Structure formats: structure tokens, C-alpha cells
Amino acid sequence: AVLDRVAEDGYALVDQELEEGVRSIAVP
């Protein structure tokens, strides 16, 4: 469901899921 939203919004924001304290934002 998150990936569907990413495809619709054109970006992804991931908040401390990879490492605590790290936030990242990506686009295609």
C-alpha cells in the first residue's frame, strides 16, 4: 500500500526505518 502511494505521489519519505536518527527522501 505504501508503494502504491509512492507511485502516486512521485516520492518516498522514509523516517528512521533504516537507522534511528536517519530520515531520507527520494524521487525517481
mmCIF file of all heavy atoms, coordinates in Angstrom:
data_MODEL
# 
_entry.id   MODEL 
# 
loop_
_atom_site.group_PDB 
_atom_site.id 
_atom_site.type_symbol 
_atom_site.label_atom_id 
_atom_site.label_alt_id 
_atom_site.label_comp_id 
_atom_site.label_asym_id 
_atom_site.label_entity_id 
_atom_site.label_seq_id 
_atom_site.pdbx_PDB_ins_code 
_atom_site.Cartn_x 
_atom_site.Cartn_y 
_atom_site.Cartn_z 
_atom_site.occupancy 
_atom_site.B_iso_or_equiv 
_atom_site.pdbx_formal_charge 
_atom_site.auth_seq_id 
_atom_site.auth_comp_id 
_atom_site.auth_asym_id 
_atom_site.auth_atom_id 
_atom_site.pdbx_PDB_model_num 
ATOM 1   N N   . ALA A 1 1  ? 0.828  -1.203 0.000   1.00 0.00 ? 1  ALA A N   1 
ATOM 2   C CA  . ALA A 1 1  ? 0.000  0.000  0.000   1.00 0.00 ? 1  ALA A CA  1 
ATOM 3   C C   . ALA A 1 1  ? 0.865  1.257  0.000   1.00 0.00 ? 1  ALA A C   1 
ATOM 4   O O   . ALA A 1 1  ? 0.546  2.254  -0.685  1.00 0.00 ? 1  ALA A O   1 
ATOM 5   C CB  . ALA A 1 1  ? -0.924 -0.009 1.207   1.00 0.00 ? 1  ALA A CB  1 
ATOM 6   N N   . VAL A 1 2  ? 1.965  1.224  0.750   1.00 0.00 ? 2  VAL A N   1 
ATOM 7   C CA  . VAL A 1 2  ? 2.885  2.373  0.758   1.00 0.00 ? 2  VAL A CA  1 
ATOM 8   C C   . VAL A 1 2  ? 3.484  2.591  -0.627  1.00 0.00 ? 2  VAL A C   1 
ATOM 9   O O   . VAL A 1 2  ? 3.618  3.734  -1.099  1.00 0.00 ? 2  VAL A O   1 
ATOM 10  C CB  . VAL A 1 2  ? 3.999  2.157  1.811   1.00 0.00 ? 2  VAL A CB  1 
ATOM 11  C CG1 . VAL A 1 2  ? 5.126  3.170  1.624   1.00 0.00 ? 2  VAL A CG1 1 
ATOM 12  C CG2 . VAL A 1 2  ? 3.422  2.257  3.217   1.00 0.00 ? 2  VAL A CG2 1 
ATOM 13  N N   . LEU A 1 3  ? 3.844  1.514  -1.296  1.00 0.00 ? 3  LEU A N   1 
ATOM 14  C CA  . LEU A 1 3  ? 4.434  1.633  -2.635  1.00 0.00 ? 3  LEU A CA  1 
ATOM 15  C C   . LEU A 1 3  ? 3.424  2.215  -3.627  1.00 0.00 ? 3  LEU A C   1 
ATOM 16  O O   . LEU A 1 3  ? 3.794  2.982  -4.524  1.00 0.00 ? 3  LEU A O   1 
ATOM 17  C CB  . LEU A 1 3  ? 4.949  0.278  -3.110  1.00 0.00 ? 3  LEU A CB  1 
ATOM 18  C CG  . LEU A 1 3  ? 6.111  -0.316 -2.311  1.00 0.00 ? 3  LEU A CG  1 
ATOM 19  C CD1 . LEU A 1 3  ? 6.490  -1.687 -2.852  1.00 0.00 ? 3  LEU A CD1 1 
ATOM 20  C CD2 . LEU A 1 3  ? 7.308  0.616  -2.306  1.00 0.00 ? 3  LEU A CD2 1 
ATOM 21  N N   . ASP A 1 4  ? 2.167  1.844  -3.497  1.00 0.00 ? 4  ASP A N   1 
ATOM 22  C CA  . ASP A 1 4  ? 1.136  2.453  -4.345  1.00 0.00 ? 4  ASP A CA  1 
ATOM 23  C C   . ASP A 1 4  ? 1.098  3.966  -4.137  1.00 0.00 ? 4  ASP A C   1 
ATOM 24  O O   . ASP A 1 4  ? 0.965  4.739  -5.098  1.00 0.00 ? 4  ASP A O   1 
ATOM 25  C CB  . ASP A 1 4  ? -0.238 1.853  -4.022  1.00 0.00 ? 4  ASP A CB  1 
ATOM 26  C CG  . ASP A 1 4  ? -0.388 0.429  -4.522  1.00 0.00 ? 4  ASP A CG  1 
ATOM 27  O OD1 . ASP A 1 4  ? 0.366  0.040  -5.437  1.00 0.00 ? 4  ASP A OD1 1 
ATOM 28  O OD2 . ASP A 1 4  ? -1.249 -0.304 -3.987  1.00 0.00 ? 4  ASP A OD2 1 
ATOM 29  N N   . ARG A 1 5  ? 1.193  4.379  -2.877  1.00 0.00 ? 5  ARG A N   1 
ATOM 30  C CA  . ARG A 1 5  ? 1.173  5.806  -2.570  1.00 0.00 ? 5  ARG A CA  1 
ATOM 31  C C   . ARG A 1 5  ? 2.421  6.510  -3.120  1.00 0.00 ? 5  ARG A C   1 
ATOM 32  O O   . ARG A 1 5  ? 2.344  7.624  -3.642  1.00 0.00 ? 5  ARG A O   1 
ATOM 33  C CB  . ARG A 1 5  ? 1.076  6.007  -1.052  1.00 0.00 ? 5  ARG A CB  1 
ATOM 34  C CG  . ARG A 1 5  ? 1.023  7.466  -0.614  1.00 0.00 ? 5  ARG A CG  1 
ATOM 35  C CD  . ARG A 1 5  ? -0.254 8.152  -1.092  1.00 0.00 ? 5  ARG A CD  1 
ATOM 36  N NE  . ARG A 1 5  ? -0.273 9.549  -0.709  1.00 0.00 ? 5  ARG A NE  1 
ATOM 37  C CZ  . ARG A 1 5  ? -0.762 9.999  0.448   1.00 0.00 ? 5  ARG A CZ  1 
ATOM 38  N NH1 . ARG A 1 5  ? -1.292 9.128  1.323   1.00 0.00 ? 5  ARG A NH1 1 
ATOM 39  N NH2 . ARG A 1 5  ? -0.753 11.274 0.725   1.00 0.00 ? 5  ARG A NH2 1 
ATOM 40  N N   . VAL A 1 6  ? 3.560  5.851  -3.010  1.00 0.00 ? 6  VAL A N   1 
ATOM 41  C CA  . VAL A 1 6  ? 4.804  6.416  -3.558  1.00 0.00 ? 6  VAL A CA  1 
ATOM 42  C C   . VAL A 1 6  ? 4.672  6.620  -5.061  1.00 0.00 ? 6  VAL A C   1 
ATOM 43  O O   . VAL A 1 6  ? 5.058  7.671  -5.607  1.00 0.00 ? 6  VAL A O   1 
ATOM 44  C CB  . VAL A 1 6  ? 6.001  5.505  -3.221  1.00 0.00 ? 6  VAL A CB  1 
ATOM 45  C CG1 . VAL A 1 6  ? 7.244  5.927  -4.004  1.00 0.00 ? 6  VAL A CG1 1 
ATOM 46  C CG2 . VAL A 1 6  ? 6.284  5.523  -1.727  1.00 0.00 ? 6  VAL A CG2 1 
ATOM 47  N N   . ALA A 1 7  ? 4.126  5.614  -5.751  1.00 0.00 ? 7  ALA A N   1 
ATOM 48  C CA  . ALA A 1 7  ? 3.947  5.730  -7.196  1.00 0.00 ? 7  ALA A CA  1 
ATOM 49  C C   . ALA A 1 7  ? 3.031  6.895  -7.542  1.00 0.00 ? 7  ALA A C   1 
ATOM 50  O O   . ALA A 1 7  ? 3.252  7.616  -8.523  1.00 0.00 ? 7  ALA A O   1 
ATOM 51  C CB  . ALA A 1 7  ? 3.391  4.425  -7.757  1.00 0.00 ? 7  ALA A CB  1 
ATOM 52  N N   . GLU A 1 8  ? 2.004  7.103  -6.724  1.00 0.00 ? 8  GLU A N   1 
ATOM 53  C CA  . GLU A 1 8  ? 1.056  8.192  -6.974  1.00 0.00 ? 8  GLU A CA  1 
ATOM 54  C C   . GLU A 1 8  ? 1.666  9.559  -6.660  1.00 0.00 ? 8  GLU A C   1 
ATOM 55  O O   . GLU A 1 8  ? 1.505  10.516 -7.421  1.00 0.00 ? 8  GLU A O   1 
ATOM 56  C CB  . GLU A 1 8  ? -0.193 7.977  -6.123  1.00 0.00 ? 8  GLU A CB  1 
ATOM 57  C CG  . GLU A 1 8  ? -1.271 9.034  -6.320  1.00 0.00 ? 8  GLU A CG  1 
ATOM 58  C CD  . GLU A 1 8  ? -2.487 8.766  -5.456  1.00 0.00 ? 8  GLU A CD  1 
ATOM 59  O OE1 . GLU A 1 8  ? -2.663 7.613  -5.002  1.00 0.00 ? 8  GLU A OE1 1 
ATOM 60  O OE2 . GLU A 1 8  ? -3.267 9.717  -5.223  1.00 0.00 ? 8  GLU A OE2 1 
ATOM 61  N N   . ASP A 1 9  ? 2.404  9.643  -5.530  1.00 0.00 ? 9  ASP A N   1 
ATOM 62  C CA  . ASP A 1 9  ? 2.964  10.932 -5.100  1.00 0.00 ? 9  ASP A CA  1 
ATOM 63  C C   . ASP A 1 9  ? 4.229  11.309 -5.867  1.00 0.00 ? 9  ASP A C   1 
ATOM 64  O O   . ASP A 1 9  ? 4.567  12.492 -5.953  1.00 0.00 ? 9  ASP A O   1 
ATOM 65  C CB  . ASP A 1 9  ? 3.301  10.884 -3.604  1.00 0.00 ? 9  ASP A CB  1 
ATOM 66  C CG  . ASP A 1 9  ? 2.060  10.791 -2.731  1.00 0.00 ? 9  ASP A CG  1 
ATOM 67  O OD1 . ASP A 1 9  ? 0.955  11.086 -3.242  1.00 0.00 ? 9  ASP A OD1 1 
ATOM 68  O OD2 . ASP A 1 9  ? 2.190  10.417 -1.546  1.00 0.00 ? 9  ASP A OD2 1 
ATOM 69  N N   . GLY A 1 10 ? 4.951  10.316 -6.374  1.00 0.00 ? 10 GLY A N   1 
ATOM 70  C CA  . GLY A 1 10 ? 6.203  10.598 -7.079  1.00 0.00 ? 10 GLY A CA  1 
ATOM 71  C C   . GLY A 1 10 ? 7.391  10.796 -6.161  1.00 0.00 ? 10 GLY A C   1 
ATOM 72  O O   . GLY A 1 10 ? 8.434  11.301 -6.593  1.00 0.00 ? 10 GLY A O   1 
ATOM 73  N N   . TYR A 1 11 ? 7.270  10.430 -4.905  1.00 0.00 ? 11 TYR A N   1 
ATOM 74  C CA  . TYR A 1 11 ? 8.412  10.488 -3.993  1.00 0.00 ? 11 TYR A CA  1 
ATOM 75  C C   . TYR A 1 11 ? 8.161  9.544  -2.822  1.00 0.00 ? 11 TYR A C   1 
ATOM 76  O O   . TYR A 1 11 ? 7.031  9.100  -2.591  1.00 0.00 ? 11 TYR A O   1 
ATOM 77  C CB  . TYR A 1 11 ? 8.653  11.906 -3.471  1.00 0.00 ? 11 TYR A CB  1 
ATOM 78  C CG  . TYR A 1 11 ? 7.660  12.375 -2.431  1.00 0.00 ? 11 TYR A CG  1 
ATOM 79  C CD1 . TYR A 1 11 ? 7.926  12.234 -1.068  1.00 0.00 ? 11 TYR A CD1 1 
ATOM 80  C CD2 . TYR A 1 11 ? 6.458  12.974 -2.801  1.00 0.00 ? 11 TYR A CD2 1 
ATOM 81  C CE1 . TYR A 1 11 ? 7.019  12.651 -0.101  1.00 0.00 ? 11 TYR A CE1 1 
ATOM 82  C CE2 . TYR A 1 11 ? 5.545  13.403 -1.851  1.00 0.00 ? 11 TYR A CE2 1 
ATOM 83  C CZ  . TYR A 1 11 ? 5.835  13.244 -0.509  1.00 0.00 ? 11 TYR A CZ  1 
ATOM 84  O OH  . TYR A 1 11 ? 4.936  13.654 0.448   1.00 0.00 ? 11 TYR A OH  1 
ATOM 85  N N   . ALA A 1 12 ? 9.249  9.233  -2.097  1.00 0.00 ? 12 ALA A N   1 
ATOM 86  C CA  . ALA A 1 12 ? 9.145  8.409  -0.889  1.00 0.00 ? 12 ALA A CA  1 
ATOM 87  C C   . ALA A 1 12 ? 9.882  9.100  0.245   1.00 0.00 ? 12 ALA A C   1 
ATOM 88  O O   . ALA A 1 12 ? 11.004 9.601  0.048   1.00 0.00 ? 12 ALA A O   1 
ATOM 89  C CB  . ALA A 1 12 ? 9.742  7.026  -1.127  1.00 0.00 ? 12 ALA A CB  1 
ATOM 90  N N   . LEU A 1 13 ? 9.264  9.138  1.404   1.00 0.00 ? 13 LEU A N   1 
ATOM 91  C CA  . LEU A 1 13 ? 9.892  9.666  2.613   1.00 0.00 ? 13 LEU A CA  1 
ATOM 92  C C   . LEU A 1 13 ? 9.957  8.534  3.629   1.00 0.00 ? 13 LEU A C   1 
ATOM 93  O O   . LEU A 1 13 ? 8.925  7.963  3.993   1.00 0.00 ? 13 LEU A O   1 
ATOM 94  C CB  . LEU A 1 13 ? 9.085  10.836 3.179   1.00 0.00 ? 13 LEU A CB  1 
ATOM 95  C CG  . LEU A 1 13 ? 9.618  11.477 4.452   1.00 0.00 ? 13 LEU A CG  1 
ATOM 96  C CD1 . LEU A 1 13 ? 10.950 12.161 4.197   1.00 0.00 ? 13 LEU A CD1 1 
ATOM 97  C CD2 . LEU A 1 13 ? 8.610  12.475 5.004   1.00 0.00 ? 13 LEU A CD2 1 
ATOM 98  N N   . VAL A 1 14 ? 11.156 8.171  4.035   1.00 0.00 ? 14 VAL A N   1 
ATOM 99  C CA  . VAL A 1 14 ? 11.344 7.083  4.998   1.00 0.00 ? 14 VAL A CA  1 
ATOM 100 C C   . VAL A 1 14 ? 11.950 7.679  6.264   1.00 0.00 ? 14 VAL A C   1 
ATOM 101 O O   . VAL A 1 14 ? 12.999 8.343  6.216   1.00 0.00 ? 14 VAL A O   1 
ATOM 102 C CB  . VAL A 1 14 ? 12.239 5.980  4.416   1.00 0.00 ? 14 VAL A CB  1 
ATOM 103 C CG1 . VAL A 1 14 ? 12.619 4.974  5.498   1.00 0.00 ? 14 VAL A CG1 1 
ATOM 104 C CG2 . VAL A 1 14 ? 11.518 5.269  3.274   1.00 0.00 ? 14 VAL A CG2 1 
ATOM 105 N N   . ASP A 1 15 ? 11.272 7.426  7.392   1.00 0.00 ? 15 ASP A N   1 
ATOM 106 C CA  . ASP A 1 15 ? 11.617 8.092  8.644   1.00 0.00 ? 15 ASP A CA  1 
ATOM 107 C C   . ASP A 1 15 ? 12.138 7.077  9.667   1.00 0.00 ? 15 ASP A C   1 
ATOM 108 O O   . ASP A 1 15 ? 11.359 6.343  10.289  1.00 0.00 ? 15 ASP A O   1 
ATOM 109 C CB  . ASP A 1 15 ? 10.371 8.802  9.192   1.00 0.00 ? 15 ASP A CB  1 
ATOM 110 C CG  . ASP A 1 15 ? 10.713 9.849  10.245  1.00 0.00 ? 15 ASP A CG  1 
ATOM 111 O OD1 . ASP A 1 15 ? 11.887 9.907  10.653  1.00 0.00 ? 15 ASP A OD1 1 
ATOM 112 O OD2 . ASP A 1 15 ? 9.807  10.607 10.624  1.00 0.00 ? 15 ASP A OD2 1 
ATOM 113 N N   . GLN A 1 16 ? 13.471 6.978  9.766   1.00 0.00 ? 16 GLN A N   1 
ATOM 114 C CA  . GLN A 1 16 ? 14.145 6.180  10.788  1.00 0.00 ? 16 GLN A CA  1 
ATOM 115 C C   . GLN A 1 16 ? 13.795 4.696  10.721  1.00 0.00 ? 16 GLN A C   1 
ATOM 116 O O   . GLN A 1 16 ? 13.813 4.003  11.734  1.00 0.00 ? 16 GLN A O   1 
ATOM 117 C CB  . GLN A 1 16 ? 13.830 6.748  12.181  1.00 0.00 ? 16 GLN A CB  1 
ATOM 118 C CG  . GLN A 1 16 ? 14.198 8.220  12.317  1.00 0.00 ? 16 GLN A CG  1 
ATOM 119 C CD  . GLN A 1 16 ? 13.973 8.757  13.701  1.00 0.00 ? 16 GLN A CD  1 
ATOM 120 O OE1 . GLN A 1 16 ? 14.798 8.532  14.589  1.00 0.00 ? 16 GLN A OE1 1 
ATOM 121 N NE2 . GLN A 1 16 ? 12.870 9.466  13.895  1.00 0.00 ? 16 GLN A NE2 1 
ATOM 122 N N   . GLU A 1 17 ? 13.513 4.190  9.517   1.00 0.00 ? 17 GLU A N   1 
ATOM 123 C CA  . GLU A 1 17 ? 13.255 2.754  9.345   1.00 0.00 ? 17 GLU A CA  1 
ATOM 124 C C   . GLU A 1 17 ? 14.533 1.985  9.033   1.00 0.00 ? 17 GLU A C   1 
ATOM 125 O O   . GLU A 1 17 ? 14.616 0.785  9.281   1.00 0.00 ? 17 GLU A O   1 
ATOM 126 C CB  . GLU A 1 17 ? 12.229 2.520  8.240   1.00 0.00 ? 17 GLU A CB  1 
ATOM 127 C CG  . GLU A 1 17 ? 10.851 3.082  8.546   1.00 0.00 ? 17 GLU A CG  1 
ATOM 128 C CD  . GLU A 1 17 ? 9.831  2.677  7.499   1.00 0.00 ? 17 GLU A CD  1 
ATOM 129 O OE1 . GLU A 1 17 ? 9.824  1.495  7.107   1.00 0.00 ? 17 GLU A OE1 1 
ATOM 130 O OE2 . GLU A 1 17 ? 9.049  3.550  7.061   1.00 0.00 ? 17 GLU A OE2 1 
ATOM 131 N N   . LEU A 1 18 ? 15.512 2.677  8.477   1.00 0.00 ? 18 LEU A N   1 
ATOM 132 C CA  . LEU A 1 18 ? 16.803 2.050  8.191   1.00 0.00 ? 18 LEU A CA  1 
ATOM 133 C C   . LEU A 1 18 ? 17.720 2.143  9.406   1.00 0.00 ? 18 LEU A C   1 
ATOM 134 O O   . LEU A 1 18 ? 18.396 1.175  9.775   1.00 0.00 ? 18 LEU A O   1 
ATOM 135 C CB  . LEU A 1 18 ? 17.462 2.723  6.987   1.00 0.00 ? 18 LEU A CB  1 
ATOM 136 C CG  . LEU A 1 18 ? 18.860 2.233  6.626   1.00 0.00 ? 18 LEU A CG  1 
ATOM 137 C CD1 . LEU A 1 18 ? 18.802 0.805  6.109   1.00 0.00 ? 18 LEU A CD1 1 
ATOM 138 C CD2 . LEU A 1 18 ? 19.494 3.163  5.589   1.00 0.00 ? 18 LEU A CD2 1 
ATOM 139 N N   . GLU A 1 19 ? 17.737 3.307  10.013  1.00 0.00 ? 19 GLU A N   1 
ATOM 140 C CA  . GLU A 1 19 ? 18.596 3.559  11.174  1.00 0.00 ? 19 GLU A CA  1 
ATOM 141 C C   . GLU A 1 19 ? 17.984 4.690  11.977  1.00 0.00 ? 19 GLU A C   1 
ATOM 142 O O   . GLU A 1 19 ? 17.469 5.658  11.408  1.00 0.00 ? 19 GLU A O   1 
ATOM 143 C CB  . GLU A 1 19 ? 20.011 3.937  10.711  1.00 0.00 ? 19 GLU A CB  1 
ATOM 144 C CG  . GLU A 1 19 ? 20.993 4.128  11.830  1.00 0.00 ? 19 GLU A CG  1 
ATOM 145 C CD  . GLU A 1 19 ? 22.404 4.420  11.314  1.00 0.00 ? 19 GLU A CD  1 
ATOM 146 O OE1 . GLU A 1 19 ? 22.693 4.066  10.156  1.00 0.00 ? 19 GLU A OE1 1 
ATOM 147 O OE2 . GLU A 1 19 ? 23.189 4.998  12.082  1.00 0.00 ? 19 GLU A OE2 1 
ATOM 148 N N   . GLU A 1 20 ? 18.009 4.539  13.286  1.00 0.00 ? 20 GLU A N   1 
ATOM 149 C CA  . GLU A 1 20 ? 17.452 5.589  14.126  1.00 0.00 ? 20 GLU A CA  1 
ATOM 150 C C   . GLU A 1 20 ? 18.210 6.894  13.922  1.00 0.00 ? 20 GLU A C   1 
ATOM 151 O O   . GLU A 1 20 ? 19.436 6.907  13.854  1.00 0.00 ? 20 GLU A O   1 
ATOM 152 C CB  . GLU A 1 20 ? 17.505 5.167  15.599  1.00 0.00 ? 20 GLU A CB  1 
ATOM 153 C CG  . GLU A 1 20 ? 16.560 4.019  15.916  1.00 0.00 ? 20 GLU A CG  1 
ATOM 154 C CD  . GLU A 1 20 ? 16.610 3.623  17.387  1.00 0.00 ? 20 GLU A CD  1 
ATOM 155 O OE1 . GLU A 1 20 ? 17.340 4.297  18.148  1.00 0.00 ? 20 GLU A OE1 1 
ATOM 156 O OE2 . GLU A 1 20 ? 15.932 2.645  17.768  1.00 0.00 ? 20 GLU A OE2 1 
ATOM 157 N N   . GLY A 1 21 ? 17.459 7.976  13.785  1.00 0.00 ? 21 GLY A N   1 
ATOM 158 C CA  . GLY A 1 21 ? 18.064 9.283  13.575  1.00 0.00 ? 21 GLY A CA  1 
ATOM 159 C C   . GLY A 1 21 ? 18.249 9.654  12.118  1.00 0.00 ? 21 GLY A C   1 
ATOM 160 O O   . GLY A 1 21 ? 18.638 10.776 11.804  1.00 0.00 ? 21 GLY A O   1 
ATOM 161 N N   . VAL A 1 22 ? 17.982 8.703  11.188  1.00 0.00 ? 22 VAL A N   1 
ATOM 162 C CA  . VAL A 1 22 ? 18.176 8.959  9.750   1.00 0.00 ? 22 VAL A CA  1 
ATOM 163 C C   . VAL A 1 22 ? 16.820 9.056  9.065   1.00 0.00 ? 22 VAL A C   1 
ATOM 164 O O   . VAL A 1 22 ? 16.001 8.130  9.145   1.00 0.00 ? 22 VAL A O   1 
ATOM 165 C CB  . VAL A 1 22 ? 19.021 7.854  9.085   1.00 0.00 ? 22 VAL A CB  1 
ATOM 166 C CG1 . VAL A 1 22 ? 19.118 8.100  7.587   1.00 0.00 ? 22 VAL A CG1 1 
ATOM 167 C CG2 . VAL A 1 22 ? 20.404 7.807  9.713   1.00 0.00 ? 22 VAL A CG2 1 
ATOM 168 N N   . ARG A 1 23 ? 16.606 10.165 8.411   1.00 0.00 ? 23 ARG A N   1 
ATOM 169 C CA  . ARG A 1 23 ? 15.402 10.393 7.610   1.00 0.00 ? 23 ARG A CA  1 
ATOM 170 C C   . ARG A 1 23 ? 15.866 10.647 6.175   1.00 0.00 ? 23 ARG A C   1 
ATOM 171 O O   . ARG A 1 23 ? 16.879 11.322 5.954   1.00 0.00 ? 23 ARG A O   1 
ATOM 172 C CB  . ARG A 1 23 ? 14.644 11.603 8.172   1.00 0.00 ? 23 ARG A CB  1 
ATOM 173 C CG  . ARG A 1 23 ? 13.407 12.015 7.421   1.00 0.00 ? 23 ARG A CG  1 
ATOM 174 C CD  . ARG A 1 23 ? 12.727 13.174 8.148   1.00 0.00 ? 23 ARG A CD  1 
ATOM 175 N NE  . ARG A 1 23 ? 12.106 12.711 9.382   1.00 0.00 ? 23 ARG A NE  1 
ATOM 176 C CZ  . ARG A 1 23 ? 12.210 13.338 10.563  1.00 0.00 ? 23 ARG A CZ  1 
ATOM 177 N NH1 . ARG A 1 23 ? 12.932 14.442 10.659  1.00 0.00 ? 23 ARG A NH1 1 
ATOM 178 N NH2 . ARG A 1 23 ? 11.602 12.853 11.630  1.00 0.00 ? 23 ARG A NH2 1 
ATOM 179 N N   . SER A 1 24 ? 15.157 10.130 5.194   1.00 0.00 ? 24 SER A N   1 
ATOM 180 C CA  . SER A 1 24 ? 15.580 10.361 3.806   1.00 0.00 ? 24 SER A CA  1 
ATOM 181 C C   . SER A 1 24 ? 14.360 10.530 2.910   1.00 0.00 ? 24 SER A C   1 
ATOM 182 O O   . SER A 1 24 ? 13.269 10.034 3.213   1.00 0.00 ? 24 SER A O   1 
ATOM 183 C CB  . SER A 1 24 ? 16.452 9.209  3.291   1.00 0.00 ? 24 SER A CB  1 
ATOM 184 O OG  . SER A 1 24 ? 15.701 8.015  3.193   1.00 0.00 ? 24 SER A OG  1 
ATOM 185 N N   . ILE A 1 25 ? 14.577 11.230 1.810   1.00 0.00 ? 25 ILE A N   1 
ATOM 186 C CA  . ILE A 1 25 ? 13.524 11.468 0.834   1.00 0.00 ? 25 ILE A CA  1 
ATOM 187 C C   . ILE A 1 25 ? 14.092 11.194 -0.548  1.00 0.00 ? 25 ILE A C   1 
ATOM 188 O O   . ILE A 1 25 ? 15.248 11.543 -0.835  1.00 0.00 ? 25 ILE A O   1 
ATOM 189 C CB  . ILE A 1 25 ? 12.971 12.912 0.956   1.00 0.00 ? 25 ILE A CB  1 
ATOM 190 C CG1 . ILE A 1 25 ? 11.715 13.079 0.096   1.00 0.00 ? 25 ILE A CG1 1 
ATOM 191 C CG2 . ILE A 1 25 ? 14.031 13.950 0.629   1.00 0.00 ? 25 ILE A CG2 1 
ATOM 192 C CD1 . ILE A 1 25 ? 10.938 14.349 0.428   1.00 0.00 ? 25 ILE A CD1 1 
ATOM 193 N N   . ALA A 1 26 ? 13.332 10.513 -1.407  1.00 0.00 ? 26 ALA A N   1 
ATOM 194 C CA  . ALA A 1 26 ? 13.829 10.075 -2.714  1.00 0.00 ? 26 ALA A CA  1 
ATOM 195 C C   . ALA A 1 26 ? 12.776 10.301 -3.789  1.00 0.00 ? 26 ALA A C   1 
ATOM 196 O O   . ALA A 1 26 ? 11.566 10.312 -3.514  1.00 0.00 ? 26 ALA A O   1 
ATOM 197 C CB  . ALA A 1 26 ? 14.218 8.594  -2.675  1.00 0.00 ? 26 ALA A CB  1 
ATOM 198 N N   . VAL A 1 27 ? 13.255 10.455 -5.019  1.00 0.00 ? 27 VAL A N   1 
ATOM 199 C CA  . VAL A 1 27 ? 12.380 10.605 -6.191  1.00 0.00 ? 27 VAL A CA  1 
ATOM 200 C C   . VAL A 1 27 ? 12.947 9.738  -7.308  1.00 0.00 ? 27 VAL A C   1 
ATOM 201 O O   . VAL A 1 27 ? 14.128 9.380  -7.299  1.00 0.00 ? 27 VAL A O   1 
ATOM 202 C CB  . VAL A 1 27 ? 12.298 12.075 -6.668  1.00 0.00 ? 27 VAL A CB  1 
ATOM 203 C CG1 . VAL A 1 27 ? 11.705 12.966 -5.586  1.00 0.00 ? 27 VAL A CG1 1 
ATOM 204 C CG2 . VAL A 1 27 ? 13.676 12.579 -7.098  1.00 0.00 ? 27 VAL A CG2 1 
ATOM 205 N N   . PRO A 1 28 ? 12.126 9.399  -8.294  1.00 0.00 ? 28 PRO A N   1 
ATOM 206 C CA  . PRO A 1 28 ? 12.629 8.577  -9.403  1.00 0.00 ? 28 PRO A CA  1 
ATOM 207 C C   . PRO A 1 28 ? 13.448 9.377  -10.409 1.00 0.00 ? 28 PRO A C   1 
ATOM 208 O O   . PRO A 1 28 ? 13.236 10.579 -10.589 1.00 0.00 ? 28 PRO A O   1 
ATOM 209 C CB  . PRO A 1 28 ? 11.339 8.053  -10.053 1.00 0.00 ? 28 PRO A CB  1 
ATOM 210 C CG  . PRO A 1 28 ? 10.314 9.078  -9.729  1.00 0.00 ? 28 PRO A CG  1 
ATOM 211 C CD  . PRO A 1 28 ? 10.675 9.619  -8.380  1.00 0.00 ? 28 PRO A CD  1 
# 
